[in-house]
C-alpha cells in the first residue's frame, strides 16, 4: 500500500525564497545541511541561508528573503495527476475552490485510483500520498 505522511497532518507553514523560488518545507527539512525533517522555519538557525541561492552565487539570502507559501495544486506521485483547488473535480462532485484539506478522507486519485492493477500492487492511492506543487 502507498503510504506517506498526510499533507493535512504536516506543519502548516512552508516558506518560499523570493529570489529563486526554493521552498523550505518542514516535512523534509534539509538533512544535507544538518536540518532534520520536522524543523519549523521559525526554528531555523539565525545564520540560515537559502541553499539554492547560496549555491548559485546569488548571495546569502537569509530567512528575511522568504515568504510564507501555501500550495493550491497537489501531485499524485504514482500517475502524475494534479489536483488543482481552483478547478476542483466537478465530475466527481468536488466543486471548484475546494481546498485540498477539505477533500474527504476517502478521496482517491481519479486517474490511477481507478486502475485495478495499480490498486492491486500499491493499494488505494489516496490523498495522503499527494505532494504540494509549486506551479
Protein backbone atom coordinates (compact mmCIF):
# COMPACT_ATOMS: atom_id res chain seq x y z
CA UNK A 1 0.00 0.00 0.00
CA UNK A 2 1.23 3.52 -0.77
CA UNK A 3 1.99 5.40 2.43
CA UNK A 4 3.25 8.86 3.13
CA UNK A 5 2.65 11.41 5.84
CA UNK A 6 -0.67 13.11 5.17
CA UNK A 7 -0.30 16.70 3.99
CA UNK A 8 -3.13 17.58 6.37
CA UNK A 9 -1.06 16.33 9.33
CA UNK A 10 2.01 18.28 8.22
CA UNK A 11 3.18 21.51 9.80
CA UNK A 12 1.07 24.15 8.07
CA UNK A 13 3.71 26.68 7.16
CA UNK A 14 6.07 26.39 4.20
CA UNK A 15 8.25 29.25 3.01
CA UNK A 16 9.39 30.24 -0.46
CA UNK A 17 12.56 32.19 -1.36
CA UNK A 18 11.54 35.44 -3.04
CA UNK A 19 14.60 35.34 -5.31
CA UNK A 20 14.87 31.77 -6.63
CA UNK A 21 11.59 30.11 -5.65
CA UNK A 22 13.12 27.41 -3.41
CA UNK A 23 10.52 26.15 -0.94
CA UNK A 24 11.53 25.24 2.59
CA UNK A 25 9.22 22.54 3.91
CA UNK A 26 9.37 21.32 7.49
CA UNK A 27 8.17 17.95 6.14
CA UNK A 28 11.54 17.27 4.58
CA UNK A 29 13.85 19.72 6.36
CA UNK A 30 17.33 19.88 4.83
CA UNK A 31 19.18 16.79 6.08
CA UNK A 32 22.11 17.54 3.73
CA UNK A 33 22.52 20.84 5.64
CA UNK A 34 22.04 19.31 9.09
CA UNK A 35 18.39 20.41 9.42
CA UNK A 36 16.24 17.37 10.25
CA UNK A 37 12.71 16.81 8.97
CA UNK A 38 10.18 18.39 11.34
CA UNK A 39 12.19 21.60 11.86
CA UNK A 40 9.86 24.59 11.52
CA UNK A 41 11.03 27.63 9.60
CA UNK A 42 10.92 29.66 12.80
CA UNK A 43 13.37 27.21 14.39
CA UNK A 44 15.99 27.50 11.63
CA UNK A 45 19.28 28.98 12.86
CA UNK A 46 19.73 32.75 12.60
CA UNK A 47 22.54 32.25 10.07
CA UNK A 48 20.33 30.14 7.75
CA UNK A 49 20.74 30.94 4.05
CA UNK A 50 18.78 29.71 1.04
CA UNK A 51 20.55 26.54 -0.14
CA UNK A 52 19.80 27.28 -3.81
CA UNK A 53 20.76 30.96 -3.92
CA UNK A 54 23.86 30.27 -1.86
CA UNK A 55 24.97 27.53 -4.28
CA UNK A 56 24.21 29.68 -7.34
CA UNK A 57 26.37 32.52 -6.06
CA UNK A 58 23.45 34.95 -5.75
CA UNK A 59 24.47 35.90 -2.23
CA UNK A 60 23.43 34.96 1.24
CA UNK A 61 19.66 35.13 1.11
CA UNK A 62 18.64 34.61 4.73
CA UNK A 63 15.33 33.96 6.40
CA UNK A 64 14.36 37.57 5.62
CA UNK A 65 14.25 36.63 1.92
CA UNK A 66 11.46 34.07 2.36
CA UNK A 67 7.70 34.47 2.48
CA UNK A 68 5.01 32.06 3.59
CA UNK A 69 3.81 29.83 0.75
CA UNK A 70 0.50 27.98 0.62
CA UNK A 71 0.12 25.34 -2.11
CA UNK A 72 -3.01 25.19 -4.26
CA UNK A 73 -2.02 22.29 -6.51
CA UNK A 74 -1.12 18.75 -5.46
CA UNK A 75 0.58 15.98 -7.45
CA UNK A 76 -0.16 12.26 -7.36
CA UNK A 77 3.37 10.77 -7.45
CA UNK A 78 2.06 7.50 -8.87
CA UNK A 79 0.48 8.76 -12.10
CA UNK A 80 1.22 12.50 -12.28
CA UNK A 81 -2.39 13.69 -11.88
CA UNK A 82 -2.59 17.23 -10.47
CA UNK A 83 -5.42 18.22 -8.15
CA UNK A 84 -5.98 21.95 -8.64
CA UNK A 85 -8.08 23.65 -5.95
CA UNK A 86 -9.28 26.29 -8.42
CA UNK A 87 -10.59 23.60 -10.78
CA UNK A 88 -11.86 21.08 -8.25
CA UNK A 89 -13.38 17.94 -9.76
CA UNK A 90 -16.97 18.83 -10.65
CA UNK A 91 -17.43 15.49 -12.44
CA UNK A 92 -16.73 13.80 -9.07
CA UNK A 93 -18.89 16.19 -7.07
CA UNK A 94 -15.99 18.35 -5.85
CA UNK A 95 -16.77 21.98 -6.72
CA UNK A 96 -14.15 24.49 -7.90
CA UNK A 97 -12.45 26.20 -4.99
CA UNK A 98 -12.41 23.12 -2.75
CA UNK A 99 -9.24 23.18 -0.65
CA UNK A 100 -7.14 20.02 -0.67
CA UNK A 101 -7.53 19.71 3.10
CA UNK A 102 -11.33 19.74 2.64
CA UNK A 103 -11.34 16.67 0.39
CA UNK A 104 -12.96 13.66 2.05
CA UNK A 105 -10.58 11.33 3.87
CA UNK A 106 -11.53 8.51 1.49
CA UNK A 107 -10.57 10.60 -1.59
CA UNK A 108 -8.57 8.60 -4.12
CA UNK A 109 -6.73 9.73 -7.23
CA UNK A 110 -9.30 9.92 -10.03
CA UNK A 111 -6.77 8.53 -12.53
CA UNK A 112 -4.66 5.77 -11.00
CA UNK A 113 -7.16 5.08 -8.21
CA UNK A 114 -9.42 3.60 -10.87
CA UNK A 115 -6.69 1.36 -12.31
CA UNK A 116 -7.18 -2.15 -10.93
CA UNK A 117 -3.55 -3.14 -11.50
CA UNK A 118 -2.20 -0.13 -9.60
CA UNK A 119 -4.70 -0.70 -6.78
CA UNK A 120 -3.70 -4.37 -6.58
CA UNK A 121 0.01 -3.52 -6.49
CA UNK A 122 0.01 -0.37 -4.36
CA UNK A 123 -3.35 -0.23 -2.62
CA UNK A 124 -5.65 2.74 -2.78
CA UNK A 125 -3.85 5.86 -3.95
CA UNK A 126 -5.41 8.34 -1.56
CA UNK A 127 -4.80 11.95 -0.68
CA UNK A 128 -2.13 11.02 1.86
CA UNK A 129 0.36 10.41 -0.96
CA UNK A 130 -0.26 13.64 -2.87
CA UNK A 131 2.56 16.20 -2.76
CA UNK A 132 2.19 20.00 -2.92
CA UNK A 133 3.31 21.62 -6.19
CA UNK A 134 4.88 24.99 -6.80
CA UNK A 135 3.33 25.82 -10.17
